Amino acid sequence: MKIRILFLLIPFFVFSQNEEKTLTKKITKEISVNYILHFPDGYKKSKHDWPLIVFLHGSGERGNDVSKLSIHGPLKYVNEGNKLEAVILAPQCPAKETWDMDVLTTLIKEVVLKNKINFNRVYLTGLSMGGYGTWKLALEHPEMFAAVAPICGRVDYVFLENAAKLKDKPIWVFHGAKDKVVPVLKSKKMVAELKKVGGNPKLTIYPEAGHDSWSKTYNNPEFYSWLLSQEMQ
């Protein structure tokens, strides 16, 4: 079947009047996310609020199997018998997707409101895809986090352009010098930009590490001591 398209030529002056308008409309969407919420010893009997560590996993842990969330990161650390005086929130990204900022923001706010969480001590960290998500979420909602710790996370130009939003935020960045998946230059550029706008981020580069710069980081008690020592002013 052939379709014939007829073009009607109308003099330009008919459309020469512009109308400047603004559309304001509330749009809602249903979200669904699997996650693990780990409570420390003494949480249920305590009357005080607790700090919250939000952990964003990498691309290899996506899907519907939440047991994957303990392969790396803070959950693995506590499952190996180490103690953390904090609640841990580990959401799971669906298969073949990337982190949705609306989902993460909604989940974190829900957890903070419905549990004994100190909203001045909420911390964000993640590795690889989760490192990218950490940068992105922190830039979109810097008011939510007392400290940020991205590990081998990709950095976009828009992150560099908006680095000033995080200049007053305690930040510790980690990367492997031999990372062939996400070049260490990504983290170096972001740290340099943060310093340029007045920030004071920490940068740890593991000389012999490849993409896995998270194992040393999440196994290091000093990392958690630093993280949990930060508080929103």
C-alpha atoms as a PDB file:
ATOM      1  CA  MET A   1       0.000   0.000   0.000  1.00  0.00           C
ATOM      2  CA  LYS A   2       1.306   3.415  -0.894  1.00  0.00           C
ATOM      3  CA  ILE A   3       0.589   6.330   1.358  1.00  0.00           C
ATOM      4  CA  ARG A   4       0.514   9.716  -0.238  1.00  0.00           C
ATOM      5  CA  ILE A   5       1.406  12.646   1.995  1.00  0.00           C
ATOM      6  CA  LEU A   6       0.203  16.084   0.934  1.00  0.00           C
ATOM      7  CA  PHE A   7       1.987  19.149   2.269  1.00  0.00           C
ATOM      8  CA  LEU A   8      -0.067  22.311   2.549  1.00  0.00           C
ATOM      9  CA  LEU A   9       2.056  25.428   2.323  1.00  0.00           C
ATOM     10  CA  ILE A  10       0.763  28.233   4.505  1.00  0.00           C
ATOM     11  CA  PRO A  11       2.370  31.684   4.636  1.00  0.00           C
ATOM     12  CA  PHE A  12       4.676  32.054   7.653  1.00  0.00           C
ATOM     13  CA  PHE A  13       2.963  35.165   8.955  1.00  0.00           C
ATOM     14  CA  VAL A  14      -0.011  33.071  10.081  1.00  0.00           C
ATOM     15  CA  PHE A  15       2.196  31.551  12.820  1.00  0.00           C
ATOM     16  CA  SER A  16       4.251  34.604  13.664  1.00  0.00           C
ATOM     17  CA  GLN A  17       2.605  35.154  17.073  1.00  0.00           C
ATOM     18  CA  ASN A  18       4.282  33.256  19.923  1.00  0.00           C
ATOM     19  CA  GLU A  19       2.550  32.267  23.129  1.00  0.00           C
ATOM     20  CA  GLU A  20       4.724  31.881  26.222  1.00  0.00           C
ATOM     21  CA  LYS A  21       3.170  29.530  28.762  1.00  0.00           C
ATOM     22  CA  THR A  22       4.092  27.440  31.796  1.00  0.00           C
ATOM     23  CA  LEU A  23       2.696  23.999  32.558  1.00  0.00           C
ATOM     24  CA  THR A  24       2.559  22.960  36.211  1.00  0.00           C
ATOM     25  CA  LYS A  25       1.199  19.496  36.845  1.00  0.00           C
ATOM     26  CA  LYS A  26       1.729  16.927  39.571  1.00  0.00           C
ATOM     27  CA  ILE A  27       2.674  13.546  38.141  1.00  0.00           C
ATOM     28  CA  THR A  28       2.798  10.443  40.322  1.00  0.00           C
ATOM     29  CA  LYS A  29       4.215   7.011  39.614  1.00  0.00           C
ATOM     30  CA  GLU A  30       4.142   3.694  41.385  1.00  0.00           C
ATOM     31  CA  ILE A  31       7.493   2.396  42.525  1.00  0.00           C
ATOM     32  CA  SER A  32       8.614  -1.032  43.679  1.00  0.00           C
ATOM     33  CA  VAL A  33      12.007  -1.894  45.109  1.00  0.00           C
ATOM     34  CA  ASN A  34      13.476  -4.860  46.949  1.00  0.00           C
ATOM     35  CA  TYR A  35      15.863  -4.087  49.768  1.00  0.00           C
ATOM     36  CA  ILE A  36      17.491  -5.344  52.950  1.00  0.00           C
ATOM     37  CA  LEU A  37      17.319  -3.343  56.161  1.00  0.00           C
ATOM     38  CA  HIS A  38      19.877  -4.510  58.719  1.00  0.00           C
ATOM     39  CA  PHE A  39      19.429  -3.491  62.356  1.00  0.00           C
ATOM     40  CA  PRO A  40      22.352  -3.529  64.801  1.00  0.00           C
ATOM     41  CA  ASP A  41      22.316  -5.290  68.170  1.00  0.00           C
ATOM     42  CA  GLY A  42      20.322  -3.328  70.704  1.00  0.00           C
ATOM     43  CA  TYR A  43      18.247  -1.467  68.147  1.00  0.00           C
ATOM     44  CA  LYS A  44      14.839  -2.765  69.236  1.00  0.00           C
ATOM     45  CA  LYS A  45      15.368  -2.015  72.931  1.00  0.00           C
ATOM     46  CA  SER A  46      17.008   1.358  72.363  1.00  0.00           C
ATOM     47  CA  LYS A  47      15.200   4.677  72.722  1.00  0.00           C
ATOM     48  CA  HIS A  48      17.671   6.786  70.753  1.00  0.00           C
ATOM     49  CA  ASP A  49      17.894   7.309  67.000  1.00  0.00           C
ATOM     50  CA  TRP A  50      20.539   5.518  64.949  1.00  0.00           C
ATOM     51  CA  PRO A  51      22.730   6.490  62.000  1.00  0.00           C
ATOM     52  CA  LEU A  52      21.835   5.022  58.598  1.00  0.00           C
ATOM     53  CA  ILE A  53      24.300   3.769  55.969  1.00  0.00           C
ATOM     54  CA  VAL A  54      22.790   3.565  52.478  1.00  0.00           C
ATOM     55  CA  PHE A  55      24.703   1.140  50.242  1.00  0.00           C
ATOM     56  CA  LEU A  56      24.295   1.024  46.443  1.00  0.00           C
ATOM     57  CA  HIS A  57      25.606  -2.175  44.839  1.00  0.00           C
ATOM     58  CA  GLY A  58      27.230  -2.629  41.429  1.00  0.00           C
ATOM     59  CA  SER A  59      25.778  -3.953  38.172  1.00  0.00           C
ATOM     60  CA  GLY A  60      26.558  -7.583  39.034  1.00  0.00           C
ATOM     61  CA  GLU A  61      24.106  -7.631  41.939  1.00  0.00           C
ATOM     62  CA  ARG A  62      21.031  -6.469  40.020  1.00  0.00           C
ATOM     63  CA  GLY A  63      17.905  -8.639  39.848  1.00  0.00           C
ATOM     64  CA  ASN A  64      15.468 -10.153  42.353  1.00  0.00           C
ATOM     65  CA  ASP A  65      17.826 -12.161  44.555  1.00  0.00           C
ATOM     66  CA  VAL A  66      18.441  -9.975  47.613  1.00  0.00           C
ATOM     67  CA  SER A  67      21.080 -12.387  48.911  1.00  0.00           C
ATOM     68  CA  LYS A  68      23.398 -10.770  46.340  1.00  0.00           C
ATOM     69  CA  LEU A  69      23.323  -7.590  48.402  1.00  0.00           C
ATOM     70  CA  SER A  70      25.619  -9.246  50.942  1.00  0.00           C
ATOM     71  CA  ILE A  71      28.323 -10.215  48.437  1.00  0.00           C
ATOM     72  CA  HIS A  72      30.108  -6.884  48.900  1.00  0.00           C
ATOM     73  CA  GLY A  73      29.865  -3.839  51.097  1.00  0.00           C
ATOM     74  CA  PRO A  74      28.626  -3.110  54.629  1.00  0.00           C
ATOM     75  CA  LEU A  75      26.266  -6.107  54.768  1.00  0.00           C
ATOM     76  CA  LYS A  76      29.143  -8.460  54.044  1.00  0.00           C
ATOM     77  CA  TYR A  77      31.172  -6.692  56.723  1.00  0.00           C
ATOM     78  CA  VAL A  78      28.582  -7.249  59.469  1.00  0.00           C
ATOM     79  CA  ASN A  79      27.735 -10.765  58.260  1.00  0.00           C
ATOM     80  CA  GLU A  80      31.387 -11.671  58.841  1.00  0.00           C
ATOM     81  CA  GLY A  81      30.970 -10.817  62.513  1.00  0.00           C
ATOM     82  CA  ASN A  82      32.038  -7.185  62.556  1.00  0.00           C
ATOM     83  CA  LYS A  83      29.945  -4.694  64.514  1.00  0.00           C
ATOM     84  CA  LEU A  84      28.559  -1.446  63.191  1.00  0.00           C
ATOM     85  CA  GLU A  85      26.550   0.909  65.353  1.00  0.00           C
ATOM     86  CA  ALA A  86      24.281   1.796  62.460  1.00  0.00           C
ATOM     87  CA  VAL A  87      21.288   0.639  60.476  1.00  0.00           C
ATOM     88  CA  ILE A  88      22.188  -0.472  56.936  1.00  0.00           C
ATOM     89  CA  LEU A  89      19.873   0.049  53.980  1.00  0.00           C
ATOM     90  CA  ALA A  90      20.744  -1.901  50.824  1.00  0.00           C
ATOM     91  CA  PRO A  91      18.255  -1.526  47.954  1.00  0.00           C
ATOM     92  CA  GLN A  92      18.414  -3.743  44.871  1.00  0.00           C
ATOM     93  CA  CYS A  93      18.340  -2.407  41.328  1.00  0.00           C
ATOM     94  CA  PRO A  94      16.207  -4.479  38.894  1.00  0.00           C
ATOM     95  CA  ALA A  95      17.954  -6.536  36.212  1.00  0.00           C
ATOM     96  CA  LYS A  96      19.173  -4.607  33.144  1.00  0.00           C
ATOM     97  CA  GLU A  97      18.306  -1.282  34.772  1.00  0.00           C
ATOM     98  CA  THR A  98      20.325   1.469  36.432  1.00  0.00           C
ATOM     99  CA  TRP A  99      19.659   3.305  39.667  1.00  0.00           C
ATOM    100  CA  ASP A 100      16.447   5.344  39.643  1.00  0.00           C
ATOM    101  CA  MET A 101      16.912   8.496  41.725  1.00  0.00           C
ATOM    102  CA  ASP A 102      13.180   8.860  42.446  1.00  0.00           C
ATOM    103  CA  VAL A 103      13.024   5.301  43.781  1.00  0.00           C
ATOM    104  CA  LEU A 104      16.097   5.762  45.973  1.00  0.00           C
ATOM    105  CA  THR A 105      14.930   9.101  47.353  1.00  0.00           C
ATOM    106  CA  THR A 106      11.483   7.744  48.174  1.00  0.00           C
ATOM    107  CA  LEU A 107      12.891   4.606  49.812  1.00  0.00           C
ATOM    108  CA  ILE A 108      15.404   6.466  51.964  1.00  0.00           C
ATOM    109  CA  LYS A 109      12.805   8.953  53.188  1.00  0.00           C
ATOM    110  CA  GLU A 110      10.394   6.105  53.964  1.00  0.00           C
ATOM    111  CA  VAL A 111      13.024   4.216  55.974  1.00  0.00           C
ATOM    112  CA  VAL A 112      14.084   7.332  57.889  1.00  0.00           C
ATOM    113  CA  LEU A 113      10.503   8.233  58.781  1.00  0.00           C
ATOM    114  CA  LYS A 114       9.373   4.754  59.818  1.00  0.00           C
ATOM    115  CA  ASN A 115      12.417   3.724  61.846  1.00  0.00           C
ATOM    116  CA  LYS A 116      14.545   5.136  64.657  1.00  0.00           C
ATOM    117  CA  ILE A 117      16.920   6.991  62.334  1.00  0.00           C
ATOM    118  CA  ASN A 118      18.860  10.159  63.055  1.00  0.00           C
ATOM    119  CA  PHE A 119      18.212  12.213  59.911  1.00  0.00           C
ATOM    120  CA  ASN A 120      21.394  14.208  60.605  1.00  0.00           C
ATOM    121  CA  ARG A 121      23.448  11.017  60.274  1.00  0.00           C
ATOM    122  CA  VAL A 122      22.472   9.448  56.969  1.00  0.00           C
ATOM    123  CA  TYR A 123      25.435   8.289  54.862  1.00  0.00           C
ATOM    124  CA  LEU A 124      25.641   7.294  51.191  1.00  0.00           C
ATOM    125  CA  THR A 125      28.160   4.926  49.624  1.00  0.00           C
ATOM    126  CA  GLY A 126      28.297   2.611  46.633  1.00  0.00           C
ATOM    127  CA  LEU A 127      30.597   0.759  44.255  1.00  0.00           C
ATOM    128  CA  SER A 128      30.971   0.876  40.463  1.00  0.00           C
ATOM    129  CA  MET A 129      27.411   1.400  39.134  1.00  0.00           C
ATOM    130  CA  GLY A 130      26.566   2.212  42.743  1.00  0.00           C
ATOM    131  CA  GLY A 131      29.491   4.634  42.865  1.00  0.00           C
ATOM    132  CA  TYR A 132      27.974   6.461  39.912  1.00  0.00           C
ATOM    133  CA  GLY A 133      24.599   6.352  41.663  1.00  0.00           C
ATOM    134  CA  THR A 134      26.215   7.744  44.805  1.00  0.00           C
ATOM    135  CA  TRP A 135      27.581  10.770  42.944  1.00  0.00           C
ATOM    136  CA  LYS A 136      24.302  11.354  41.136  1.00  0.00           C
ATOM    137  CA  LEU A 137      22.021  11.028  44.158  1.00  0.00           C
ATOM    138  CA  ALA A 138      24.283  13.162  46.348  1.00  0.00           C
ATOM    139  CA  LEU A 139      24.316  15.912  43.709  1.00  0.00           C
ATOM    140  CA  GLU A 140      20.541  15.811  43.337  1.00  0.00           C
ATOM    141  CA  HIS A 141      19.873  15.709  47.101  1.00  0.00           C
ATOM    142  CA  PRO A 142      22.912  16.944  49.034  1.00  0.00           C
ATOM    143  CA  GLU A 143      20.619  17.936  51.889  1.00  0.00           C
ATOM    144  CA  MET A 144      19.896  14.268  52.654  1.00  0.00           C
ATOM    145  CA  PHE A 145      23.405  13.048  53.469  1.00  0.00           C
ATOM    146  CA  ALA A 146      25.945  13.794  56.172  1.00  0.00           C
ATOM    147  CA  ALA A 147      28.780  12.201  54.176  1.00  0.00           C
ATOM    148  CA  VAL A 148      29.341  10.544  50.807  1.00  0.00           C
ATOM    149  CA  ALA A 149      31.769   7.777  49.795  1.00  0.00           C
ATOM    150  CA  PRO A 150      31.783   6.793  46.097  1.00  0.00           C
ATOM    151  CA  ILE A 151      33.946   3.844  45.082  1.00  0.00           C
ATOM    152  CA  CYS A 152      35.219   3.491  41.488  1.00  0.00           C
ATOM    153  CA  GLY A 153      32.204   5.418  40.224  1.00  0.00           C
ATOM    154  CA  ARG A 154      31.879   6.838  36.735  1.00  0.00           C
ATOM    155  CA  VAL A 155      31.702  10.622  36.600  1.00  0.00           C
ATOM    156  CA  ASP A 156      29.727  12.568  33.976  1.00  0.00           C
ATOM    157  CA  TYR A 157      30.491  16.103  32.820  1.00  0.00           C
ATOM    158  CA  VAL A 158      27.300  17.264  34.489  1.00  0.00           C
ATOM    159  CA  PHE A 159      28.745  16.061  37.804  1.00  0.00           C
ATOM    160  CA  LEU A 160      31.833  18.191  37.275  1.00  0.00           C
ATOM    161  CA  GLU A 161      29.707  21.200  36.359  1.00  0.00           C
ATOM    162  CA  ASN A 162      27.662  20.861  39.552  1.00  0.00           C
ATOM    163  CA  ALA A 163      30.480  19.963  41.948  1.00  0.00           C
ATOM    164  CA  ALA A 164      29.858  23.146  43.955  1.00  0.00           C
ATOM    165  CA  LYS A 165      26.709  21.533  45.364  1.00  0.00           C
ATOM    166  CA  LEU A 166      28.959  19.181  47.334  1.00  0.00           C
ATOM    167  CA  LYS A 167      31.779  21.529  48.284  1.00  0.00           C
ATOM    168  CA  ASP A 168      30.787  21.546  51.970  1.00  0.00           C
ATOM    169  CA  LYS A 169      30.085  17.809  52.150  1.00  0.00           C
ATOM    170  CA  PRO A 170      32.522  15.337  53.769  1.00  0.00           C
ATOM    171  CA  ILE A 171      33.530  13.096  50.855  1.00  0.00           C
ATOM    172  CA  TRP A 172      35.937  10.175  50.655  1.00  0.00           C
ATOM    173  CA  VAL A 173      36.579   8.788  47.165  1.00  0.00           C
ATOM    174  CA  PHE A 174      38.218   5.414  46.437  1.00  0.00           C
ATOM    175  CA  HIS A 175      39.625   3.987  43.211  1.00  0.00           C
ATOM    176  CA  GLY A 176      42.095   1.424  41.878  1.00  0.00           C
ATOM    177  CA  ALA A 177      45.020   2.783  39.885  1.00  0.00           C
ATOM    178  CA  LYS A 178      44.781  -0.120  37.411  1.00  0.00           C
ATOM    179  CA  ASP A 179      41.007   0.035  36.936  1.00  0.00           C
ATOM    180  CA  LYS A 180      40.230  -0.737  33.265  1.00  0.00           C
ATOM    181  CA  VAL A 181      36.437  -0.613  33.679  1.00  0.00           C
ATOM    182  CA  VAL A 182      36.181   2.888  35.153  1.00  0.00           C
ATOM    183  CA  PRO A 183      39.498   4.721  34.738  1.00  0.00           C
ATOM    184  CA  VAL A 184      40.892   6.299  37.897  1.00  0.00           C
ATOM    185  CA  LEU A 185      41.012   9.604  36.020  1.00  0.00           C
ATOM    186  CA  LYS A 186      37.237   9.872  36.559  1.00  0.00           C
ATOM    187  CA  SER A 187      37.621  10.100  40.325  1.00  0.00           C
ATOM    188  CA  LYS A 188      40.687  12.345  40.042  1.00  0.00           C
ATOM    189  CA  LYS A 189      38.788  14.847  37.908  1.00  0.00           C
ATOM    190  CA  MET A 190      35.845  14.990  40.298  1.00  0.00           C
ATOM    191  CA  VAL A 191      38.100  15.435  43.317  1.00  0.00           C
ATOM    192  CA  ALA A 192      40.037  18.173  41.525  1.00  0.00           C
ATOM    193  CA  GLU A 193      36.811  19.960  40.641  1.00  0.00           C
ATOM    194  CA  LEU A 194      35.572  19.736  44.227  1.00  0.00           C
ATOM    195  CA  LYS A 195      38.812  21.275  45.465  1.00  0.00           C
ATOM    196  CA  LYS A 196      38.575  24.005  42.830  1.00  0.00           C
ATOM    197  CA  VAL A 197      35.185  25.123  44.197  1.00  0.00           C
ATOM    198  CA  GLY A 198      36.356  25.080  47.804  1.00  0.00           C
ATOM    199  CA  GLY A 199      35.711  21.504  48.868  1.00  0.00           C
ATOM    200  CA  ASN A 200      38.036  19.284  50.877  1.00  0.00           C
ATOM    201  CA  PRO A 201      37.432  15.717  49.646  1.00  0.00           C
ATOM    202  CA  LYS A 202      39.650  12.760  50.535  1.00  0.00           C
ATOM    203  CA  LEU A 203      40.974  10.511  47.755  1.00  0.00           C
ATOM    204  CA  THR A 204      42.429   7.050  48.250  1.00  0.00           C
ATOM    205  CA  ILE A 205      43.987   5.326  45.230  1.00  0.00           C
ATOM    206  CA  TYR A 206      45.095   1.724  45.624  1.00  0.00           C
ATOM    207  CA  PRO A 207      48.268   1.397  43.455  1.00  0.00           C
ATOM    208  CA  GLU A 208      47.828  -2.290  42.600  1.00  0.00           C
ATOM    209  CA  ALA A 209      44.024  -2.526  42.508  1.00  0.00           C
ATOM    210  CA  GLY A 210      41.957  -2.917  39.372  1.00  0.00           C
ATOM    211  CA  HIS A 211      38.222  -2.360  39.334  1.00  0.00           C
ATOM    212  CA  ASP A 212      37.821  -3.992  42.740  1.00  0.00           C
ATOM    213  CA  SER A 213      38.710  -1.088  44.974  1.00  0.00           C
ATOM    214  CA  TRP A 214      35.745  -1.845  47.227  1.00  0.00           C
ATOM    215  CA  SER A 215      37.020  -4.940  49.073  1.00  0.00           C
ATOM    216  CA  LYS A 216      39.807  -3.076  50.871  1.00  0.00           C
ATOM    217  CA  THR A 217      37.526  -0.131  51.530  1.00  0.00           C
ATOM    218  CA  TYR A 218      34.563  -2.003  52.983  1.00  0.00           C
ATOM    219  CA  ASN A 219      36.833  -4.291  55.024  1.00  0.00           C
ATOM    220  CA  ASN A 220      38.547  -1.330  56.662  1.00  0.00           C
ATOM    221  CA  PRO A 221      37.219  -0.369  60.134  1.00  0.00           C
ATOM    222  CA  GLU A 222      38.713   3.108  59.691  1.00  0.00           C
ATOM    223  CA  PHE A 223      36.362   3.730  56.790  1.00  0.00           C
ATOM    224  CA  TYR A 224      33.314   3.153  58.990  1.00  0.00           C
ATOM    225  CA  SER A 225      34.810   5.180  61.839  1.00  0.00           C
ATOM    226  CA  TRP A 226      35.247   8.139  59.494  1.00  0.00           C
ATOM    227  CA  LEU A 227      31.780   7.717  57.997  1.00  0.00           C
ATOM    228  CA  LEU A 228      29.957   7.466  61.311  1.00  0.00           C
ATOM    229  CA  SER A 229      31.847  10.431  62.767  1.00  0.00           C
ATOM    230  CA  GLN A 230      30.219  12.834  60.288  1.00  0.00           C
ATOM    231  CA  GLU A 231      27.060  14.734  61.159  1.00  0.00           C
ATOM    232  CA  MET A 232      24.948  17.338  59.394  1.00  0.00           C
ATOM    233  CA  GLN A 233      25.451  20.813  60.787  1.00  0.00           C
END
